[in-house]
Each structure stands twice: as C-alpha cells, then as structure tokens.
Amino acid sequence: MALKLSRTAFKRLCLLPLVLVCLFIFIYYQIANMYRNVEYKGNITVVQTAFDLFKRQPLEICHNIDLLNVGDPEGIELNSYPQLICADPGFQIEENNCLFYVIKTLKNEWSLEDIAERMGCQVYSLLLIPPHQSADAEEFTPVRNQSRFIHYFRLNERDSVGHFIQQQQQQQNQTNETFIDYMMIRMGSGQSEWRIVSDLAERNQLDRVKHLSMGVNLCPDRSSFTESHFQFVIDVDQQLYDRWDMKLFALANDEDTFVYNPVVKEETYCASQFSWINQRFRRIDDPQCQLPGNDSQHTEPVTSQTVALLANR
C-alpha cells in the first residue's frame, strides 16, 4: 500500500510542472486580452502615423551600400544592428581623413569606434548619462583607453549635443567644410534620440552630417510615451526630409519587437535602425541624381561656397 501511495505522489509531482506551465499560459493570455480591450482616448491618427514609420520602404537612392561595422549580422539585438553606409560618389568615407560621432548610453560597446579607428578616422564617442545616475559618474566611465583616434566624453543626457559639437568644432579649428562622415545615435530610451536630432537641427549641425544612423524605439509598453511625443517624432522625421534633405536609404526592423500594440490594436514593429543620407553631398555628376526615387529639390554638389551659404541660412 505504501509503495502504491509513493508512486501516486511521484506521478503528481511530475504533473506539477505541466500544471504550472498551463497556469502561466492562461494568466498570460488573460492579461493580453485585458490589454486588447483597452480603449485609447487620444488621437489615434497621430499614434498610428508614428508607428507607420516602421512600415516605410527606404528610397532606392543608393547604388552601393556597404556594411560598416561588425555587429550582429542579423541585426537582432538593438545594440548590434549592422551600420550601413552609401558608397556612391560624394558619400564615400575616405580612410585616414574622416570624422565619426557616436552618441550612446552603452558604455562598453565599442565595435563602431574600433572599426572607425582602424580606418584612421577621428571618433568622438559621447556617453550620455541619465540624470538620475549622474551622481554615480564613476560607474559610467568607459572601460577603454583613450587613443589618438578615439576621444570619449561623458555628458548629462539632457545636455545639448549640438552645442558640444559646436564647441569641438571651434576647439579643433574645424571649419564648416569639416564634414561628419558618420553619426550614430543609440539611446534605447525611445525619446532622447529624437530630442538629439531636433537639437542638432536647431544648431544647423545636420548640414555637416553625411550619414545619420539612429536606433528608434517606440515600444508601447513605455508609459512615458504620450500623444505629444508621438507628434514630436512625426514632426522631427518630416523635418529631416523636408528641411535637411535627409533621405531614408536603409531600415532594419527588430523582429523581436513585432508585438501586439494595444493602442493601434494590431501587431507592429516598435524598434528599428533608421539610416539616412544627406542628399546635399551627392555629386551632381552622379547618374543616381536622375533616378525617380531621388526627388530632392535641393540636390547640388557640395562645395565650400555651398556649405558657407548653408551655414549662414
């Protein structure tokens, strides 16, 4: 009798994990269904338009696209998207005569800086520290030695990146003809990257940027995202296109973030890598200028006179 009871207890014990798994799945779907029934009270058009950014098809405005860094080739992790560059005339990055800016919150991810250093580029790596952690600055000291190519700086996340770049331009005796070959913004907070781009625009720094790469995160589980923020994202994105002639030439969606969005009530991407190129740098003799996809009204060869005019707008 005792043997039969122990076998019964053993069977029940084996069934326990299965019961727990089933219970977990049940609770998960109950919570999911609860969010599916949430009614959004704001302007659904604004939110939908913001998420439609992830559905865009990049313009076919670049003949030659090269891989710049050695991050995850499949681009699965947000911090390891492949960094792409356009190698068409006017956009090439000249080794030993190039300038990079890397703006990020990741303190120990150096793949892009290392690649740029091997190319002989000067790299300014700006580590933006969240305000609530600025007091513990020691924790955010990069674990890497500064070299004659890589220069890292700690900034408060609310500091003006555009102002910092202006200061560096003056200290290094750089002129408006000193272009930034590549700028990557990788914040991961969903809001800061758009504020940084807006700040760069206000200080006329986007005229100097050939390639702009930005990790975009609008995942709906972030309660700080408001309708006004989504409108801000839309406005900044449109300004890149209309005012600064930045054209989206590559977009890599994070497959892991194709999730159900309770606001727009459909599955949407919410994290991606956006890559723009500044059409002002395209050479006028480039046949690509004649392609239907390049509808820029401002395309012209970049000369010192052109840059001076742009800087003095």
C-alpha atoms as a PDB file:
ATOM      1  CA  MET A   1       0.000   0.000   0.000  1.00  0.00           C
ATOM      2  CA  ALA A   2       2.826   2.351   0.927  1.00  0.00           C
ATOM      3  CA  LEU A   3       4.533   1.617  -2.411  1.00  0.00           C
ATOM      4  CA  LYS A   4       1.373   2.479  -4.367  1.00  0.00           C
ATOM      5  CA  LEU A   5       0.992   5.759  -2.476  1.00  0.00           C
ATOM      6  CA  SER A   6       4.570   6.792  -3.202  1.00  0.00           C
ATOM      7  CA  ARG A   7       4.076   6.086  -6.912  1.00  0.00           C
ATOM      8  CA  THR A   8       0.918   8.204  -6.907  1.00  0.00           C
ATOM      9  CA  ALA A   9       2.733  11.011  -5.175  1.00  0.00           C
ATOM     10  CA  PHE A  10       5.570  10.709  -7.689  1.00  0.00           C
ATOM     11  CA  LYS A  11       3.145  10.977 -10.629  1.00  0.00           C
ATOM     12  CA  ARG A  12       1.519  14.030  -9.077  1.00  0.00           C
ATOM     13  CA  LEU A  13       4.931  15.591  -8.587  1.00  0.00           C
ATOM     14  CA  CYS A  14       5.764  15.010 -12.256  1.00  0.00           C
ATOM     15  CA  LEU A  15       2.499  16.635 -13.311  1.00  0.00           C
ATOM     16  CA  LEU A  16       3.131  19.736 -11.210  1.00  0.00           C
ATOM     17  CA  PRO A  17       5.468  21.488 -13.723  1.00  0.00           C
ATOM     18  CA  LEU A  18       2.939  20.868 -16.505  1.00  0.00           C
ATOM     19  CA  VAL A  19       0.150  22.354 -14.404  1.00  0.00           C
ATOM     20  CA  LEU A  20       2.274  25.391 -13.591  1.00  0.00           C
ATOM     21  CA  VAL A  21       3.112  25.933 -17.271  1.00  0.00           C
ATOM     22  CA  CYS A  22      -0.559  25.736 -18.236  1.00  0.00           C
ATOM     23  CA  LEU A  23      -1.442  28.155 -15.452  1.00  0.00           C
ATOM     24  CA  PHE A  24       1.232  30.587 -16.614  1.00  0.00           C
ATOM     25  CA  ILE A  25      -0.025  30.461 -20.208  1.00  0.00           C
ATOM     26  CA  PHE A  26      -3.607  31.024 -19.034  1.00  0.00           C
ATOM     27  CA  ILE A  27      -2.635  34.059 -16.960  1.00  0.00           C
ATOM     28  CA  TYR A  28      -0.531  35.450 -19.832  1.00  0.00           C
ATOM     29  CA  TYR A  29      -3.408  35.296 -22.292  1.00  0.00           C
ATOM     30  CA  GLN A  30      -5.806  36.774 -19.752  1.00  0.00           C
ATOM     31  CA  ILE A  31      -3.501  39.761 -19.318  1.00  0.00           C
ATOM     32  CA  ALA A  32      -3.021  40.046 -23.079  1.00  0.00           C
ATOM     33  CA  ASN A  33      -6.762  40.038 -23.662  1.00  0.00           C
ATOM     34  CA  MET A  34      -7.189  42.643 -20.962  1.00  0.00           C
ATOM     35  CA  TYR A  35      -4.833  44.993 -22.862  1.00  0.00           C
ATOM     36  CA  ARG A  36      -6.571  44.199 -26.127  1.00  0.00           C
ATOM     37  CA  ASN A  37      -9.761  45.657 -24.684  1.00  0.00           C
ATOM     38  CA  VAL A  38      -8.117  48.935 -23.685  1.00  0.00           C
ATOM     39  CA  GLU A  39      -9.654  51.874 -25.499  1.00  0.00           C
ATOM     40  CA  TYR A  40      -7.312  54.693 -26.436  1.00  0.00           C
ATOM     41  CA  LYS A  41      -8.943  58.061 -25.728  1.00  0.00           C
ATOM     42  CA  GLY A  42      -6.494  60.274 -27.642  1.00  0.00           C
ATOM     43  CA  ASN A  43      -5.909  60.972 -31.321  1.00  0.00           C
ATOM     44  CA  ILE A  44      -5.408  57.521 -32.770  1.00  0.00           C
ATOM     45  CA  THR A  45      -4.294  59.009 -36.107  1.00  0.00           C
ATOM     46  CA  VAL A  46      -1.198  60.548 -34.516  1.00  0.00           C
ATOM     47  CA  VAL A  47      -0.137  57.302 -32.875  1.00  0.00           C
ATOM     48  CA  GLN A  48      -0.859  55.250 -35.993  1.00  0.00           C
ATOM     49  CA  THR A  49       1.171  57.659 -38.127  1.00  0.00           C
ATOM     50  CA  ALA A  50       4.114  57.353 -35.741  1.00  0.00           C
ATOM     51  CA  PHE A  51       4.067  53.562 -35.942  1.00  0.00           C
ATOM     52  CA  ASP A  52       3.725  53.725 -39.718  1.00  0.00           C
ATOM     53  CA  LEU A  53       7.331  54.947 -39.723  1.00  0.00           C
ATOM     54  CA  PHE A  54       8.327  51.311 -39.270  1.00  0.00           C
ATOM     55  CA  LYS A  55       6.400  50.300 -42.402  1.00  0.00           C
ATOM     56  CA  ARG A  56       8.194  52.660 -44.757  1.00  0.00           C
ATOM     57  CA  GLN A  57      10.135  51.375 -47.712  1.00  0.00           C
ATOM     58  CA  PRO A  58      13.561  53.026 -47.947  1.00  0.00           C
ATOM     59  CA  LEU A  59      14.137  55.041 -51.116  1.00  0.00           C
ATOM     60  CA  GLU A  60      16.243  53.433 -53.822  1.00  0.00           C
ATOM     61  CA  ILE A  61      18.700  56.292 -53.876  1.00  0.00           C
ATOM     62  CA  CYS A  62      21.981  54.458 -53.294  1.00  0.00           C
ATOM     63  CA  HIS A  63      23.651  52.141 -55.805  1.00  0.00           C
ATOM     64  CA  ASN A  64      26.370  50.879 -53.478  1.00  0.00           C
ATOM     65  CA  ILE A  65      25.566  50.026 -49.864  1.00  0.00           C
ATOM     66  CA  ASP A  66      28.410  48.726 -47.695  1.00  0.00           C
ATOM     67  CA  LEU A  67      28.478  47.221 -44.214  1.00  0.00           C
ATOM     68  CA  LEU A  68      30.453  49.418 -41.862  1.00  0.00           C
ATOM     69  CA  ASN A  69      30.624  47.583 -38.554  1.00  0.00           C
ATOM     70  CA  VAL A  70      30.909  44.002 -37.382  1.00  0.00           C
ATOM     71  CA  GLY A  71      27.857  43.889 -35.158  1.00  0.00           C
ATOM     72  CA  ASP A  72      25.372  41.059 -35.218  1.00  0.00           C
ATOM     73  CA  PRO A  73      24.969  40.349 -38.968  1.00  0.00           C
ATOM     74  CA  GLU A  74      21.307  39.518 -38.459  1.00  0.00           C
ATOM     75  CA  GLY A  75      20.631  42.735 -36.571  1.00  0.00           C
ATOM     76  CA  ILE A  76      18.635  41.005 -33.835  1.00  0.00           C
ATOM     77  CA  GLU A  77      19.836  42.947 -30.824  1.00  0.00           C
ATOM     78  CA  LEU A  78      19.096  46.676 -30.697  1.00  0.00           C
ATOM     79  CA  ASN A  79      22.686  47.478 -29.777  1.00  0.00           C
ATOM     80  CA  SER A  80      24.226  45.475 -32.623  1.00  0.00           C
ATOM     81  CA  TYR A  81      22.421  46.467 -35.791  1.00  0.00           C
ATOM     82  CA  PRO A  82      24.704  46.479 -38.829  1.00  0.00           C
ATOM     83  CA  GLN A  83      25.757  50.030 -39.634  1.00  0.00           C
ATOM     84  CA  LEU A  84      25.309  50.710 -43.352  1.00  0.00           C
ATOM     85  CA  ILE A  85      26.928  53.375 -45.494  1.00  0.00           C
ATOM     86  CA  CYS A  86      26.251  54.618 -49.000  1.00  0.00           C
ATOM     87  CA  ALA A  87      29.391  54.403 -51.156  1.00  0.00           C
ATOM     88  CA  ASP A  88      28.033  56.404 -54.096  1.00  0.00           C
ATOM     89  CA  PRO A  89      30.042  59.446 -55.307  1.00  0.00           C
ATOM     90  CA  GLY A  90      30.025  62.119 -52.631  1.00  0.00           C
ATOM     91  CA  PHE A  91      29.184  59.784 -49.743  1.00  0.00           C
ATOM     92  CA  GLN A  92      32.356  57.718 -49.582  1.00  0.00           C
ATOM     93  CA  ILE A  93      34.280  57.681 -46.324  1.00  0.00           C
ATOM     94  CA  GLU A  94      37.940  58.422 -47.038  1.00  0.00           C
ATOM     95  CA  GLU A  95      40.268  56.429 -44.789  1.00  0.00           C
ATOM     96  CA  ASN A  96      42.716  58.461 -42.668  1.00  0.00           C
ATOM     97  CA  ASN A  97      40.654  61.567 -43.387  1.00  0.00           C
ATOM     98  CA  CYS A  98      37.272  61.009 -41.754  1.00  0.00           C
ATOM     99  CA  LEU A  99      35.242  62.045 -38.728  1.00  0.00           C
ATOM    100  CA  PHE A 100      32.755  59.981 -36.702  1.00  0.00           C
ATOM    101  CA  TYR A 101      30.388  60.823 -33.855  1.00  0.00           C
ATOM    102  CA  VAL A 102      28.942  58.024 -31.711  1.00  0.00           C
ATOM    103  CA  ILE A 103      26.234  59.167 -29.288  1.00  0.00           C
ATOM    104  CA  LYS A 104      25.053  56.453 -26.928  1.00  0.00           C
ATOM    105  CA  THR A 105      24.242  55.205 -23.467  1.00  0.00           C
ATOM    106  CA  LEU A 106      26.057  51.871 -23.791  1.00  0.00           C
ATOM    107  CA  LYS A 107      29.388  52.288 -22.047  1.00  0.00           C
ATOM    108  CA  ASN A 108      31.133  49.064 -23.074  1.00  0.00           C
ATOM    109  CA  GLU A 109      30.031  48.631 -26.699  1.00  0.00           C
ATOM    110  CA  TRP A 110      32.919  49.767 -28.879  1.00  0.00           C
ATOM    111  CA  SER A 111      32.533  47.901 -32.178  1.00  0.00           C
ATOM    112  CA  LEU A 112      31.800  51.009 -34.263  1.00  0.00           C
ATOM    113  CA  GLU A 113      34.584  53.028 -32.643  1.00  0.00           C
ATOM    114  CA  ASP A 114      37.060  50.208 -33.245  1.00  0.00           C
ATOM    115  CA  ILE A 115      36.108  49.970 -36.918  1.00  0.00           C
ATOM    116  CA  ALA A 116      36.438  53.739 -37.344  1.00  0.00           C
ATOM    117  CA  GLU A 117      39.810  53.702 -35.596  1.00  0.00           C
ATOM    118  CA  ARG A 118      41.103  51.023 -37.959  1.00  0.00           C
ATOM    119  CA  MET A 119      40.010  53.275 -40.831  1.00  0.00           C
ATOM    120  CA  GLY A 120      42.113  56.082 -39.374  1.00  0.00           C
ATOM    121  CA  CYS A 121      39.068  58.201 -38.509  1.00  0.00           C
ATOM    122  CA  GLN A 122      38.819  60.625 -35.635  1.00  0.00           C
ATOM    123  CA  VAL A 123      35.989  59.438 -33.372  1.00  0.00           C
ATOM    124  CA  TYR A 124      34.114  61.416 -30.739  1.00  0.00           C
ATOM    125  CA  SER A 125      32.273  58.955 -28.523  1.00  0.00           C
ATOM    126  CA  LEU A 126      29.699  60.726 -26.355  1.00  0.00           C
ATOM    127  CA  LEU A 127      28.403  58.707 -23.439  1.00  0.00           C
ATOM    128  CA  LEU A 128      25.134  60.243 -22.240  1.00  0.00           C
ATOM    129  CA  ILE A 129      24.393  59.548 -18.603  1.00  0.00           C
ATOM    130  CA  PRO A 130      20.763  59.522 -17.378  1.00  0.00           C
ATOM    131  CA  PRO A 131      20.142  62.391 -14.921  1.00  0.00           C
ATOM    132  CA  HIS A 132      19.163  60.122 -12.028  1.00  0.00           C
ATOM    133  CA  GLN A 133      22.517  58.330 -12.321  1.00  0.00           C
ATOM    134  CA  SER A 134      24.785  61.298 -12.949  1.00  0.00           C
ATOM    135  CA  ALA A 135      25.835  61.358  -9.285  1.00  0.00           C
ATOM    136  CA  ASP A 136      27.420  57.935  -9.719  1.00  0.00           C
ATOM    137  CA  ALA A 137      29.607  59.022 -12.622  1.00  0.00           C
ATOM    138  CA  GLU A 138      32.372  56.534 -11.798  1.00  0.00           C
ATOM    139  CA  GLU A 139      30.101  53.709 -12.892  1.00  0.00           C
ATOM    140  CA  PHE A 140      29.799  55.294 -16.316  1.00  0.00           C
ATOM    141  CA  THR A 141      33.490  55.714 -17.035  1.00  0.00           C
ATOM    142  CA  PRO A 142      34.132  53.807 -20.281  1.00  0.00           C
ATOM    143  CA  VAL A 143      36.184  50.662 -19.853  1.00  0.00           C
ATOM    144  CA  ARG A 144      38.557  51.590 -22.636  1.00  0.00           C
ATOM    145  CA  ASN A 145      41.731  53.595 -23.031  1.00  0.00           C
ATOM    146  CA  GLN A 146      41.513  56.823 -24.956  1.00  0.00           C
ATOM    147  CA  SER A 147      43.651  56.768 -28.104  1.00  0.00           C
ATOM    148  CA  ARG A 148      44.790  59.399 -30.553  1.00  0.00           C
ATOM    149  CA  PHE A 149      41.809  58.403 -32.700  1.00  0.00           C
ATOM    150  CA  ILE A 150      39.044  57.850 -30.140  1.00  0.00           C
ATOM    151  CA  HIS A 151      38.025  60.630 -27.761  1.00  0.00           C
ATOM    152  CA  TYR A 152      35.264  59.857 -25.277  1.00  0.00           C
ATOM    153  CA  PHE A 153      33.262  62.305 -23.230  1.00  0.00           C
ATOM    154  CA  ARG A 154      30.613  61.994 -20.533  1.00  0.00           C
ATOM    155  CA  LEU A 155      27.563  64.218 -20.905  1.00  0.00           C
ATOM    156  CA  ASN A 156      24.346  64.508 -18.998  1.00  0.00           C
ATOM    157  CA  GLU A 157      21.534  63.043 -21.071  1.00  0.00           C
ATOM    158  CA  ARG A 158      19.845  66.456 -21.064  1.00  0.00           C
ATOM    159  CA  ASP A 159      22.923  68.341 -22.266  1.00  0.00           C
ATOM    160  CA  SER A 160      22.921  69.822 -25.759  1.00  0.00           C
ATOM    161  CA  VAL A 161      24.812  67.509 -28.088  1.00  0.00           C
ATOM    162  CA  GLY A 162      24.614  70.155 -30.811  1.00  0.00           C
ATOM    163  CA  HIS A 163      26.320  72.692 -28.544  1.00  0.00           C
ATOM    164  CA  PHE A 164      29.043  70.171 -27.670  1.00  0.00           C
ATOM    165  CA  ILE A 165      29.763  69.536 -31.358  1.00  0.00           C
ATOM    166  CA  GLN A 166      29.926  73.280 -31.998  1.00  0.00           C
ATOM    167  CA  GLN A 167      32.467  73.637 -29.178  1.00  0.00           C
ATOM    168  CA  GLN A 168      34.600  70.802 -30.528  1.00  0.00           C
ATOM    169  CA  GLN A 169      34.472  72.358 -33.971  1.00  0.00           C
ATOM    170  CA  GLN A 170      35.856  75.626 -32.548  1.00  0.00           C
ATOM    171  CA  GLN A 171      38.488  73.961 -30.332  1.00  0.00           C
ATOM    172  CA  GLN A 172      39.804  71.822 -33.177  1.00  0.00           C
ATOM    173  CA  ASN A 173      39.796  74.806 -35.546  1.00  0.00           C
ATOM    174  CA  GLN A 174      37.390  72.971 -37.794  1.00  0.00           C
ATOM    175  CA  THR A 175      35.514  74.933 -40.422  1.00  0.00           C
ATOM    176  CA  ASN A 176      32.085  74.311 -41.871  1.00  0.00           C
ATOM    177  CA  GLU A 177      33.910  72.360 -44.567  1.00  0.00           C
ATOM    178  CA  THR A 178      34.862  69.732 -41.975  1.00  0.00           C
ATOM    179  CA  PHE A 179      32.129  67.193 -42.544  1.00  0.00           C
ATOM    180  CA  ILE A 180      30.958  64.472 -40.181  1.00  0.00           C
ATOM    181  CA  ASP A 181      31.167  61.310 -42.259  1.00  0.00           C
ATOM    182  CA  TYR A 182      29.064  59.212 -39.917  1.00  0.00           C
ATOM    183  CA  MET A 183      26.913  59.883 -36.878  1.00  0.00           C
ATOM    184  CA  MET A 184      25.246  57.124 -34.901  1.00  0.00           C
ATOM    185  CA  ILE A 185      22.685  57.828 -32.173  1.00  0.00           C
ATOM    186  CA  ARG A 186      21.851  54.847 -29.976  1.00  0.00           C
ATOM    187  CA  MET A 187      19.993  55.749 -26.826  1.00  0.00           C
ATOM    188  CA  GLY A 188      17.487  52.971 -26.297  1.00  0.00           C
ATOM    189  CA  SER A 189      15.185  55.219 -24.273  1.00  0.00           C
ATOM    190  CA  GLY A 190      12.805  55.955 -27.110  1.00  0.00           C
ATOM    191  CA  GLN A 191      12.676  59.694 -26.534  1.00  0.00           C
ATOM    192  CA  SER A 192      16.201  61.068 -26.267  1.00  0.00           C
ATOM    193  CA  GLU A 193      17.306  60.220 -29.800  1.00  0.00           C
ATOM    194  CA  TRP A 194      14.601  62.420 -31.333  1.00  0.00           C
ATOM    195  CA  ARG A 195      15.434  65.271 -28.976  1.00  0.00           C
ATOM    196  CA  ILE A 196      19.095  64.989 -30.003  1.00  0.00           C
ATOM    197  CA  VAL A 197      18.231  65.147 -33.710  1.00  0.00           C
ATOM    198  CA  SER A 198      15.994  68.153 -33.086  1.00  0.00           C
ATOM    199  CA  ASP A 199      18.810  69.866 -31.166  1.00  0.00           C
ATOM    200  CA  LEU A 200      21.279  69.193 -34.000  1.00  0.00           C
ATOM    201  CA  ALA A 201      18.792  70.679 -36.453  1.00  0.00           C
ATOM    202  CA  GLU A 202      18.310  73.823 -34.381  1.00  0.00           C
ATOM    203  CA  ARG A 203      22.082  74.375 -34.319  1.00  0.00           C
ATOM    204  CA  ASN A 204      22.473  73.723 -38.069  1.00  0.00           C
ATOM    205  CA  GLN A 205      24.739  70.734 -37.459  1.00  0.00           C
ATOM    206  CA  LEU A 206      22.865  68.357 -39.761  1.00  0.00           C
ATOM    207  CA  ASP A 207      24.316  70.183 -42.791  1.00  0.00           C
ATOM    208  CA  ARG A 208      27.688  68.641 -41.883  1.00  0.00           C
ATOM    209  CA  VAL A 209      26.457  65.036 -41.496  1.00  0.00           C
ATOM    210  CA  LYS A 210      26.773  62.664 -44.462  1.00  0.00           C
ATOM    211  CA  HIS A 211      25.325  59.546 -42.808  1.00  0.00           C
ATOM    212  CA  LEU A 212      22.887  59.586 -39.898  1.00  0.00           C
ATOM    213  CA  SER A 213      22.091  56.286 -38.187  1.00  0.00           C
ATOM    214  CA  MET A 214      19.588  56.117 -35.348  1.00  0.00           C
ATOM    215  CA  GLY A 215      18.145  53.344 -33.234  1.00  0.00           C
ATOM    216  CA  VAL A 216      14.425  54.035 -32.870  1.00  0.00           C
ATOM    217  CA  ASN A 217      12.337  52.603 -30.033  1.00  0.00           C
ATOM    218  CA  LEU A 218       8.615  53.368 -29.726  1.00  0.00           C
ATOM    219  CA  CYS A 219       7.542  50.213 -27.926  1.00  0.00           C
ATOM    220  CA  PRO A 220       4.049  50.682 -26.422  1.00  0.00           C
ATOM    221  CA  ASP A 221       4.981  49.306 -23.003  1.00  0.00           C
ATOM    222  CA  ARG A 222       6.738  52.574 -22.182  1.00  0.00           C
ATOM    223  CA  SER A 223       4.231  54.623 -20.209  1.00  0.00           C
ATOM    224  CA  SER A 224       6.200  57.840 -20.787  1.00  0.00           C
ATOM    225  CA  PHE A 225       5.164  57.866 -24.438  1.00  0.00           C
ATOM    226  CA  THR A 226       2.380  60.384 -24.873  1.00  0.00           C
ATOM    227  CA  GLU A 227       0.457  61.658 -27.837  1.00  0.00           C
ATOM    228  CA  SER A 228       2.555  64.836 -27.821  1.00  0.00           C
ATOM    229  CA  HIS A 229       5.724  62.738 -28.002  1.00  0.00           C
ATOM    230  CA  PHE A 230       4.411  60.774 -30.990  1.00  0.00           C
ATOM    231  CA  GLN A 231       3.589  64.075 -32.710  1.00  0.00           C
ATOM    232  CA  PHE A 232       7.089  65.322 -31.923  1.00  0.00           C
ATOM    233  CA  VAL A 233       8.567  62.192 -33.541  1.00  0.00           C
ATOM    234  CA  ILE A 234       6.473  62.743 -36.674  1.00  0.00           C
ATOM    235  CA  ASP A 235       7.469  66.413 -36.889  1.00  0.00           C
ATOM    236  CA  VAL A 236      11.212  65.736 -36.472  1.00  0.00           C
ATOM    237  CA  ASP A 237      11.119  62.929 -39.022  1.00  0.00           C
ATOM    238  CA  GLN A 238       9.365  65.180 -41.540  1.00  0.00           C
ATOM    239  CA  GLN A 239      11.849  67.968 -40.881  1.00  0.00           C
ATOM    240  CA  LEU A 240      14.720  65.628 -41.717  1.00  0.00           C
ATOM    241  CA  TYR A 241      13.144  65.029 -45.105  1.00  0.00           C
ATOM    242  CA  ASP A 242      11.856  68.498 -45.961  1.00  0.00           C
ATOM    243  CA  ARG A 243      14.368  70.908 -44.467  1.00  0.00           C
ATOM    244  CA  TRP A 244      17.603  68.950 -44.270  1.00  0.00           C
ATOM    245  CA  ASP A 245      17.244  66.757 -47.356  1.00  0.00           C
ATOM    246  CA  MET A 246      17.965  63.608 -45.334  1.00  0.00           C
ATOM    247  CA  LYS A 247      16.587  60.601 -47.204  1.00  0.00           C
ATOM    248  CA  LEU A 248      15.954  57.213 -45.613  1.00  0.00           C
ATOM    249  CA  PHE A 249      18.022  54.670 -47.539  1.00  0.00           C
ATOM    250  CA  ALA A 250      18.054  51.718 -45.134  1.00  0.00           C
ATOM    251  CA  LEU A 251      15.732  50.409 -42.416  1.00  0.00           C
ATOM    252  CA  ALA A 252      16.272  47.288 -40.310  1.00  0.00           C
ATOM    253  CA  ASN A 253      13.339  46.226 -38.140  1.00  0.00           C
ATOM    254  CA  ASP A 254      13.936  44.261 -34.957  1.00  0.00           C
ATOM    255  CA  GLU A 255      11.927  41.081 -35.477  1.00  0.00           C
ATOM    256  CA  ASP A 256      11.669  40.536 -31.718  1.00  0.00           C
ATOM    257  CA  THR A 257       9.641  43.736 -31.354  1.00  0.00           C
ATOM    258  CA  PHE A 258       6.865  42.786 -33.750  1.00  0.00           C
ATOM    259  CA  VAL A 259       4.299  42.703 -30.965  1.00  0.00           C
ATOM    260  CA  TYR A 260       0.646  43.441 -30.388  1.00  0.00           C
ATOM    261  CA  ASN A 261       0.132  47.140 -29.802  1.00  0.00           C
ATOM    262  CA  PRO A 262      -2.923  47.737 -27.584  1.00  0.00           C
ATOM    263  CA  VAL A 263      -3.214  51.325 -28.801  1.00  0.00           C
ATOM    264  CA  VAL A 264      -3.497  50.730 -32.545  1.00  0.00           C
ATOM    265  CA  LYS A 265      -4.881  47.204 -31.975  1.00  0.00           C
ATOM    266  CA  GLU A 266      -2.581  45.405 -34.372  1.00  0.00           C
ATOM    267  CA  GLU A 267       0.851  43.863 -34.401  1.00  0.00           C
ATOM    268  CA  THR A 268       3.505  46.459 -35.122  1.00  0.00           C
ATOM    269  CA  TYR A 269       7.265  46.869 -35.014  1.00  0.00           C
ATOM    270  CA  CYS A 270       8.445  49.223 -32.318  1.00  0.00           C
ATOM    271  CA  ALA A 271      12.246  49.097 -32.598  1.00  0.00           C
ATOM    272  CA  SER A 272      14.334  49.615 -35.694  1.00  0.00           C
ATOM    273  CA  GLN A 273      17.531  51.004 -37.116  1.00  0.00           C
ATOM    274  CA  PHE A 274      16.930  54.006 -39.396  1.00  0.00           C
ATOM    275  CA  SER A 275      19.699  55.169 -41.745  1.00  0.00           C
ATOM    276  CA  TRP A 276      19.603  58.453 -43.664  1.00  0.00           C
ATOM    277  CA  ILE A 277      21.990  60.029 -46.149  1.00  0.00           C
ATOM    278  CA  ASN A 278      22.274  63.762 -46.704  1.00  0.00           C
ATOM    279  CA  GLN A 279      21.451  64.416 -50.353  1.00  0.00           C
ATOM    280  CA  ARG A 280      23.445  67.653 -50.345  1.00  0.00           C
ATOM    281  CA  PHE A 281      26.580  65.530 -50.534  1.00  0.00           C
ATOM    282  CA  ARG A 282      25.608  63.706 -53.715  1.00  0.00           C
ATOM    283  CA  ARG A 283      27.755  64.814 -56.613  1.00  0.00           C
ATOM    284  CA  ILE A 284      25.840  66.494 -59.396  1.00  0.00           C
ATOM    285  CA  ASP A 285      27.531  64.274 -61.990  1.00  0.00           C
ATOM    286  CA  ASP A 286      26.304  61.116 -60.252  1.00  0.00           C
ATOM    287  CA  PRO A 287      23.777  59.317 -62.518  1.00  0.00           C
ATOM    288  CA  GLN A 288      21.899  58.412 -59.346  1.00  0.00           C
ATOM    289  CA  CYS A 289      20.643  62.017 -59.304  1.00  0.00           C
ATOM    290  CA  GLN A 290      18.436  61.183 -62.261  1.00  0.00           C
ATOM    291  CA  LEU A 291      16.704  58.194 -60.661  1.00  0.00           C
ATOM    292  CA  PRO A 292      12.956  58.565 -59.966  1.00  0.00           C
ATOM    293  CA  GLY A 293      13.466  57.683 -56.293  1.00  0.00           C
ATOM    294  CA  ASN A 294      15.620  60.748 -55.742  1.00  0.00           C
ATOM    295  CA  ASP A 295      13.028  63.517 -55.683  1.00  0.00           C
ATOM    296  CA  SER A 296      15.217  66.011 -53.843  1.00  0.00           C
ATOM    297  CA  GLN A 297      14.630  69.630 -54.752  1.00  0.00           C
ATOM    298  CA  HIS A 298      17.900  70.699 -53.143  1.00  0.00           C
ATOM    299  CA  THR A 299      20.451  68.290 -54.567  1.00  0.00           C
ATOM    300  CA  GLU A 300      23.607  70.110 -55.608  1.00  0.00           C
ATOM    301  CA  PRO A 301      27.345  69.475 -55.497  1.00  0.00           C
ATOM    302  CA  VAL A 302      28.844  70.261 -52.118  1.00  0.00           C
ATOM    303  CA  THR A 303      31.496  72.959 -52.308  1.00  0.00           C
ATOM    304  CA  SER A 304      32.963  75.344 -49.769  1.00  0.00           C
ATOM    305  CA  GLN A 305      30.674  78.051 -51.140  1.00  0.00           C
ATOM    306  CA  THR A 306      27.622  75.807 -50.786  1.00  0.00           C
ATOM    307  CA  VAL A 307      28.474  74.968 -47.180  1.00  0.00           C
ATOM    308  CA  ALA A 308      29.084  78.608 -46.315  1.00  0.00           C
ATOM    309  CA  LEU A 309      25.674  79.519 -47.704  1.00  0.00           C
ATOM    310  CA  LEU A 310      24.008  76.695 -45.795  1.00  0.00           C
ATOM    311  CA  ALA A 311      25.711  77.638 -42.554  1.00  0.00           C
ATOM    312  CA  ASN A 312      24.553  81.228 -42.857  1.00  0.00           C
ATOM    313  CA  ARG A 313      20.876  80.479 -43.575  1.00  0.00           C
END
